PDB file of N, CA and C in Angstrom:
ATOM      1  N   UNK A   1       0.863  -1.188  -0.005  1.00  0.00           N
ATOM      2  CA  UNK A   1      -0.009  -0.014  -0.006  1.00  0.00           C
ATOM      3  C   UNK A   1       0.865   1.239   0.011  1.00  0.00           C
ATOM      4  N   UNK A   2       0.321   2.317  -0.515  1.00  0.00           N
ATOM      5  CA  UNK A   2       1.016   3.596  -0.607  1.00  0.00           C
ATOM      6  C   UNK A   2       0.841   4.409   0.652  1.00  0.00           C
ATOM      7  N   UNK A   3       1.935   4.973   1.145  1.00  0.00           N
ATOM      8  CA  UNK A   3       1.884   5.897   2.324  1.00  0.00           C
ATOM      9  C   UNK A   3       1.274   7.209   1.838  1.00  0.00           C
ATOM     10  N   UNK A   4       0.106   7.569   2.309  1.00  0.00           N
ATOM     11  CA  UNK A   4      -0.523   8.815   1.861  1.00  0.00           C
ATOM     12  C   UNK A   4      -0.090   9.984   2.710  1.00  0.00           C
ATOM     13  N   UNK A   5       0.016   9.796   4.040  1.00  0.00           N
ATOM     14  CA  UNK A   5       0.439  10.895   4.940  1.00  0.00           C
ATOM     15  C   UNK A   5       1.508  10.327   5.871  1.00  0.00           C
ATOM     16  N   UNK A   6       2.621  11.047   5.949  1.00  0.00           N
ATOM     17  CA  UNK A   6       3.700  10.694   6.894  1.00  0.00           C
ATOM     18  C   UNK A   6       3.965  11.875   7.809  1.00  0.00           C
ATOM     19  N   UNK A   7       3.906  11.613   9.100  1.00  0.00           N
ATOM     20  CA  UNK A   7       4.271  12.580  10.076  1.00  0.00           C
ATOM     21  C   UNK A   7       5.577  12.085  10.677  1.00  0.00           C
ATOM     22  N   UNK A   8       6.627  12.917  10.650  1.00  0.00           N
ATOM     23  CA  UNK A   8       7.934  12.498  11.086  1.00  0.00           C
ATOM     24  C   UNK A   8       8.503  13.490  12.100  1.00  0.00           C
ATOM     25  N   UNK A   9       8.578  13.038  13.376  1.00  0.00           N
ATOM     26  CA  UNK A   9       9.189  13.868  14.415  1.00  0.00           C
ATOM     27  C   UNK A   9       8.609  15.196  14.658  1.00  0.00           C
ATOM     28  N   UNK A  10       7.267  15.294  14.547  1.00  0.00           N
ATOM     29  CA  UNK A  10       6.551  16.585  14.637  1.00  0.00           C
ATOM     30  C   UNK A  10       6.713  17.148  16.079  1.00  0.00           C
ATOM     31  N   UNK A  11       7.083  18.418  16.116  1.00  0.00           N
ATOM     32  CA  UNK A  11       7.193  19.144  17.410  1.00  0.00           C
ATOM     33  C   UNK A  11       6.402  20.445  17.337  1.00  0.00           C
ATOM     34  N   UNK A  12       5.664  20.737  18.423  1.00  0.00           N
ATOM     35  CA  UNK A  12       4.961  21.979  18.512  1.00  0.00           C
ATOM     36  C   UNK A  12       4.779  22.325  20.013  1.00  0.00           C
ATOM     37  N   UNK A  13       5.092  23.549  20.349  1.00  0.00           N
ATOM     38  CA  UNK A  13       4.900  23.962  21.742  1.00  0.00           C
ATOM     39  C   UNK A  13       4.347  25.365  21.776  1.00  0.00           C
ATOM     40  N   UNK A  14       3.703  25.663  22.914  1.00  0.00           N
ATOM     41  CA  UNK A  14       3.179  26.976  23.149  1.00  0.00           C
ATOM     42  C   UNK A  14       3.746  27.482  24.477  1.00  0.00           C
ATOM     43  N   UNK A  15       4.484  28.606  24.427  1.00  0.00           N
ATOM     44  CA  UNK A  15       5.083  29.192  25.630  1.00  0.00           C
ATOM     45  C   UNK A  15       5.884  28.163  26.418  1.00  0.00           C
ATOM     46  N   UNK A  16       6.639  27.329  25.684  1.00  0.00           N
ATOM     47  CA  UNK A  16       7.500  26.361  26.306  1.00  0.00           C
ATOM     48  C   UNK A  16       6.852  25.076  26.755  1.00  0.00           C
ATOM     49  N   UNK A  17       5.524  24.949  26.562  1.00  0.00           N
ATOM     50  CA  UNK A  17       4.818  23.746  26.906  1.00  0.00           C
ATOM     51  C   UNK A  17       4.634  22.918  25.686  1.00  0.00           C
ATOM     52  N   UNK A  18       5.123  21.650  25.654  1.00  0.00           N
ATOM     53  CA  UNK A  18       5.019  20.817  24.509  1.00  0.00           C
ATOM     54  C   UNK A  18       3.583  20.314  24.286  1.00  0.00           C
ATOM     55  N   UNK A  19       3.014  20.699  23.188  1.00  0.00           N
ATOM     56  CA  UNK A  19       1.716  20.159  22.767  1.00  0.00           C
ATOM     57  C   UNK A  19       1.890  18.881  21.991  1.00  0.00           C
ATOM     58  N   UNK A  20       2.926  18.819  21.190  1.00  0.00           N
ATOM     59  CA  UNK A  20       3.286  17.666  20.362  1.00  0.00           C
ATOM     60  C   UNK A  20       4.807  17.502  20.515  1.00  0.00           C
ATOM     61  N   UNK A  21       5.253  16.322  20.876  1.00  0.00           N
ATOM     62  CA  UNK A  21       6.669  16.094  21.189  1.00  0.00           C
ATOM     63  C   UNK A  21       7.182  14.886  20.372  1.00  0.00           C
ATOM     64  N   UNK A  22       7.843  15.152  19.258  1.00  0.00           N
ATOM     65  CA  UNK A  22       8.471  14.096  18.417  1.00  0.00           C
ATOM     66  C   UNK A  22       7.467  13.019  17.954  1.00  0.00           C
ATOM     67  N   UNK A  23       6.327  13.447  17.465  1.00  0.00           N
ATOM     68  CA  UNK A  23       5.294  12.511  17.031  1.00  0.00           C
ATOM     69  C   UNK A  23       5.604  12.013  15.603  1.00  0.00           C
ATOM     70  N   UNK A  24       5.517  10.699  15.419  1.00  0.00           N
ATOM     71  CA  UNK A  24       5.707  10.097  14.125  1.00  0.00           C
ATOM     72  C   UNK A  24       4.708   9.012  13.895  1.00  0.00           C
ATOM     73  N   UNK A  25       4.111   9.018  12.685  1.00  0.00           N
ATOM     74  CA  UNK A  25       3.183   7.924  12.286  1.00  0.00           C
ATOM     75  C   UNK A  25       2.918   8.053  10.799  1.00  0.00           C
ATOM     76  N   UNK A  26       2.471   6.947  10.199  1.00  0.00           N
ATOM     77  CA  UNK A  26       2.123   6.927   8.775  1.00  0.00           C
ATOM     78  C   UNK A  26       0.658   6.521   8.616  1.00  0.00           C
ATOM     79  N   UNK A  27       0.019   7.122   7.627  1.00  0.00           N
ATOM     80  CA  UNK A  27      -1.328   6.717   7.266  1.00  0.00           C
ATOM     81  C   UNK A  27      -1.261   6.229   5.792  1.00  0.00           C
ATOM     82  N   UNK A  28      -1.738   5.004   5.588  1.00  0.00           N
ATOM     83  CA  UNK A  28      -1.693   4.423   4.248  1.00  0.00           C
ATOM     84  C   UNK A  28      -3.010   4.684   3.527  1.00  0.00           C
ATOM     85  N   UNK A  29      -2.911   4.666   2.213  1.00  0.00           N
ATOM     86  CA  UNK A  29      -4.073   4.860   1.361  1.00  0.00           C
ATOM     87  C   UNK A  29      -5.165   3.868   1.761  1.00  0.00           C
ATOM     88  N   UNK A  30      -6.371   4.368   1.975  1.00  0.00           N
ATOM     89  CA  UNK A  30      -7.526   3.533   2.366  1.00  0.00           C
ATOM     90  C   UNK A  30      -7.727   3.361   3.862  1.00  0.00           C
ATOM     91  N   UNK A  31      -6.747   3.829   4.627  1.00  0.00           N
ATOM     92  CA  UNK A  31      -6.857   3.669   6.120  1.00  0.00           C
ATOM     93  C   UNK A  31      -7.752   4.826   6.672  1.00  0.00           C
ATOM     94  N   UNK A  32      -8.280   4.552   7.809  1.00  0.00           N
ATOM     95  CA  UNK A  32      -9.060   5.578   8.566  1.00  0.00           C
ATOM     96  C   UNK A  32      -8.377   5.787   9.910  1.00  0.00           C
ATOM     97  N   UNK A  33      -8.181   7.003  10.293  1.00  0.00           N
ATOM     98  CA  UNK A  33      -7.500   7.353  11.545  1.00  0.00           C
ATOM     99  C   UNK A  33      -8.461   8.081  12.475  1.00  0.00           C
ATOM    100  N   UNK A  34      -8.459   7.689  13.735  1.00  0.00           N
ATOM    101  CA  UNK A  34      -9.239   8.393  14.714  1.00  0.00           C
ATOM    102  C   UNK A  34      -8.283   8.935  15.773  1.00  0.00           C
ATOM    103  N   UNK A  35      -8.501  10.205  16.130  1.00  0.00           N
ATOM    104  CA  UNK A  35      -7.721  10.834  17.199  1.00  0.00           C
ATOM    105  C   UNK A  35      -8.640  10.922  18.395  1.00  0.00           C
ATOM    106  N   UNK A  36      -8.185  10.245  19.483  1.00  0.00           N
ATOM    107  CA  UNK A  36      -8.988  10.331  20.737  1.00  0.00           C
ATOM    108  C   UNK A  36      -8.086  10.691  21.880  1.00  0.00           C
ATOM    109  N   UNK A  37      -8.611  11.354  22.833  1.00  0.00           N
ATOM    110  CA  UNK A  37      -7.824  11.751  24.020  1.00  0.00           C
ATOM    111  C   UNK A  37      -8.578  12.819  24.787  1.00  0.00           C
ATOM    112  N   UNK A  38      -8.059  13.129  25.988  1.00  0.00           N
ATOM    113  CA  UNK A  38      -8.720  14.154  26.784  1.00  0.00           C
ATOM    114  C   UNK A  38      -8.481  15.584  26.245  1.00  0.00           C
ATOM    115  N   UNK A  39      -9.244  16.523  26.758  1.00  0.00           N
ATOM    116  CA  UNK A  39      -9.041  17.904  26.394  1.00  0.00           C
ATOM    117  C   UNK A  39      -7.636  18.320  26.644  1.00  0.00           C
ATOM    118  N   UNK A  40      -7.048  19.075  25.757  1.00  0.00           N
ATOM    119  CA  UNK A  40      -5.742  19.620  25.910  1.00  0.00           C
ATOM    120  C   UNK A  40      -4.577  18.676  25.621  1.00  0.00           C
ATOM    121  N   UNK A  41      -4.846  17.521  25.002  1.00  0.00           N
ATOM    122  CA  UNK A  41      -3.748  16.558  24.746  1.00  0.00           C
ATOM    123  C   UNK A  41      -3.062  16.783  23.417  1.00  0.00           C
ATOM    124  N   UNK A  42      -3.583  17.686  22.569  1.00  0.00           N
ATOM    125  CA  UNK A  42      -2.910  18.015  21.316  1.00  0.00           C
ATOM    126  C   UNK A  42      -3.599  17.557  20.038  1.00  0.00           C
ATOM    127  N   UNK A  43      -4.830  17.050  20.125  1.00  0.00           N
ATOM    128  CA  UNK A  43      -5.521  16.591  18.920  1.00  0.00           C
ATOM    129  C   UNK A  43      -5.755  17.722  17.892  1.00  0.00           C
ATOM    130  N   UNK A  44      -6.310  18.839  18.339  1.00  0.00           N
ATOM    131  CA  UNK A  44      -6.554  19.956  17.427  1.00  0.00           C
ATOM    132  C   UNK A  44      -5.278  20.557  16.963  1.00  0.00           C
ATOM    133  N   UNK A  45      -4.253  20.619  17.814  1.00  0.00           N
ATOM    134  CA  UNK A  45      -2.952  21.178  17.440  1.00  0.00           C
ATOM    135  C   UNK A  45      -2.334  20.286  16.327  1.00  0.00           C
ATOM    136  N   UNK A  46      -2.446  18.981  16.462  1.00  0.00           N
ATOM    137  CA  UNK A  46      -1.948  18.099  15.416  1.00  0.00           C
ATOM    138  C   UNK A  46      -2.651  18.343  14.097  1.00  0.00           C
ATOM    139  N   UNK A  47      -3.948  18.415  14.106  1.00  0.00           N
ATOM    140  CA  UNK A  47      -4.698  18.633  12.851  1.00  0.00           C
ATOM    141  C   UNK A  47      -4.320  19.989  12.223  1.00  0.00           C
ATOM    142  N   UNK A  48      -4.295  21.022  13.052  1.00  0.00           N
ATOM    143  CA  UNK A  48      -3.928  22.355  12.527  1.00  0.00           C
ATOM    144  C   UNK A  48      -2.517  22.392  12.004  1.00  0.00           C
ATOM    145  N   UNK A  49      -1.601  21.679  12.649  1.00  0.00           N
ATOM    146  CA  UNK A  49      -0.229  21.643  12.166  1.00  0.00           C
ATOM    147  C   UNK A  49      -0.107  20.893  10.871  1.00  0.00           C
ATOM    148  N   UNK A  50      -0.808  19.743  10.746  1.00  0.00           N
ATOM    149  CA  UNK A  50      -0.747  18.955   9.509  1.00  0.00           C
ATOM    150  C   UNK A  50      -1.337  19.769   8.345  1.00  0.00           C
ATOM    151  N   UNK A  51      -2.406  20.513   8.596  1.00  0.00           N
ATOM    152  CA  UNK A  51      -3.044  21.328   7.546  1.00  0.00           C
ATOM    153  C   UNK A  51      -2.241  22.569   7.200  1.00  0.00           C
ATOM    154  N   UNK A  52      -1.240  22.909   8.003  1.00  0.00           N
ATOM    155  CA  UNK A  52      -0.417  24.080   7.723  1.00  0.00           C
ATOM    156  C   UNK A  52      -1.041  25.347   8.289  1.00  0.00           C
ATOM    157  N   UNK A  53      -2.006  25.214   9.180  1.00  0.00           N
ATOM    158  CA  UNK A  53      -2.707  26.401   9.738  1.00  0.00           C
ATOM    159  C   UNK A  53      -1.907  27.009  10.844  1.00  0.00           C
ATOM    160  N   UNK A  54      -0.947  26.292  11.415  1.00  0.00           N
ATOM    161  CA  UNK A  54      -0.055  26.825  12.385  1.00  0.00           C
ATOM    162  C   UNK A  54       1.312  26.225  12.196  1.00  0.00           C
ATOM    163  N   UNK A  55       2.358  27.019  12.423  1.00  0.00           N
ATOM    164  CA  UNK A  55       3.752  26.505  12.123  1.00  0.00           C
ATOM    165  C   UNK A  55       4.163  25.454  13.121  1.00  0.00           C
ATOM    166  N   UNK A  56       5.026  24.525  12.653  1.00  0.00           N
ATOM    167  CA  UNK A  56       5.611  23.543  13.522  1.00  0.00           C
ATOM    168  C   UNK A  56       7.010  23.942  13.896  1.00  0.00           C
ATOM    169  N   UNK A  57       7.512  23.471  15.018  1.00  0.00           N
ATOM    170  CA  UNK A  57       8.875  23.796  15.452  1.00  0.00           C
ATOM    171  C   UNK A  57       9.909  22.823  14.841  1.00  0.00           C
ATOM    172  N   UNK A  58       9.446  21.617  14.599  1.00  0.00           N
ATOM    173  CA  UNK A  58      10.378  20.627  14.029  1.00  0.00           C
ATOM    174  C   UNK A  58       9.607  19.471  13.468  1.00  0.00           C
ATOM    175  N   UNK A  59      10.288  18.696  12.688  1.00  0.00           N
ATOM    176  CA  UNK A  59       9.682  17.533  12.039  1.00  0.00           C
ATOM    177  C   UNK A  59       9.227  17.848  10.622  1.00  0.00           C
ATOM    178  N   UNK A  60       8.479  16.911  10.086  1.00  0.00           N
ATOM    179  CA  UNK A  60       8.079  17.015   8.709  1.00  0.00           C
ATOM    180  C   UNK A  60       6.710  16.353   8.474  1.00  0.00           C
ATOM    181  N   UNK A  61       5.946  16.948   7.622  1.00  0.00           N
ATOM    182  CA  UNK A  61       4.663  16.413   7.210  1.00  0.00           C
ATOM    183  C   UNK A  61       4.732  16.181   5.688  1.00  0.00           C
ATOM    184  N   UNK A  62       4.590  14.933   5.304  1.00  0.00           N
ATOM    185  CA  UNK A  62       4.654  14.563   3.885  1.00  0.00           C
ATOM    186  C   UNK A  62       3.293  14.042   3.421  1.00  0.00           C
ATOM    187  N   UNK A  63       2.809  14.624   2.308  1.00  0.00           N
ATOM    188  CA  UNK A  63       1.563  14.146   1.746  1.00  0.00           C
ATOM    189  C   UNK A  63       1.872  13.533   0.422  1.00  0.00           C
ATOM    190  N   UNK A  64       1.672  12.255   0.278  1.00  0.00           N
ATOM    191  CA  UNK A  64       2.014  11.472  -0.937  1.00  0.00           C
ATOM    192  C   UNK A  64       3.499  11.686  -1.303  1.00  0.00           C
ATOM    193  N   UNK A  65       4.318  11.767  -0.290  1.00  0.00           N
ATOM    194  CA  UNK A  65       5.764  11.894  -0.512  1.00  0.00           C
ATOM    195  C   UNK A  65       6.287  13.340  -0.715  1.00  0.00           C
ATOM    196  N   UNK A  66       5.374  14.307  -0.738  1.00  0.00           N
ATOM    197  CA  UNK A  66       5.749  15.709  -0.957  1.00  0.00           C
ATOM    198  C   UNK A  66       5.598  16.480   0.372  1.00  0.00           C
ATOM    199  N   UNK A  67       6.570  17.358   0.666  1.00  0.00           N
ATOM    200  CA  UNK A  67       6.551  18.158   1.863  1.00  0.00           C
ATOM    201  C   UNK A  67       5.285  19.001   1.858  1.00  0.00           C
ATOM    202  N   UNK A  68       4.404  18.878   2.845  1.00  0.00           N
ATOM    203  CA  UNK A  68       3.128  19.555   2.879  1.00  0.00           C
ATOM    204  C   UNK A  68       3.303  21.056   2.940  1.00  0.00           C
ATOM    205  N   UNK A  69       4.422  21.546   3.441  1.00  0.00           N
ATOM    206  CA  UNK A  69       4.605  23.007   3.507  1.00  0.00           C
ATOM    207  C   UNK A  69       4.728  23.580   2.072  1.00  0.00           C
ATOM    208  N   UNK A  70       5.245  22.799   1.133  1.00  0.00           N
ATOM    209  CA  UNK A  70       5.345  23.224  -0.280  1.00  0.00           C
ATOM    210  C   UNK A  70       3.955  23.259  -0.883  1.00  0.00           C
ATOM    211  N   UNK A  71       3.042  22.418  -0.418  1.00  0.00           N
ATOM    212  CA  UNK A  71       1.722  22.393  -0.974  1.00  0.00           C
ATOM    213  C   UNK A  71       0.893  23.591  -0.508  1.00  0.00           C
ATOM    214  N   UNK A  72       1.242  24.153   0.665  1.00  0.00           N
ATOM    215  CA  UNK A  72       0.496  25.240   1.263  1.00  0.00           C
ATOM    216  C   UNK A  72       1.012  26.595   0.745  1.00  0.00           C
ATOM    217  N   UNK A  73       2.123  26.595   0.059  1.00  0.00           N
ATOM    218  CA  UNK A  73       2.724  27.882  -0.397  1.00  0.00           C
ATOM    219  C   UNK A  73       1.923  28.552  -1.487  1.00  0.00           C
TER     220      UNK A  73
END
């Protein structure tokens, strides 16, 4: 199967508090992903970071092998 979305070492913090700390995972074509967790655990921050709506401090987001930041330019 083809890797559709790759998250590699994603980092995001607000005022020194880590919302996302070195997160890595792959989503393959045809898969469904669910994000679950308590309030404030970083679900919305992850989605906003992947969509390019807020900058990331480190790591990489690849969509179909292409850097997602290039797609948002």
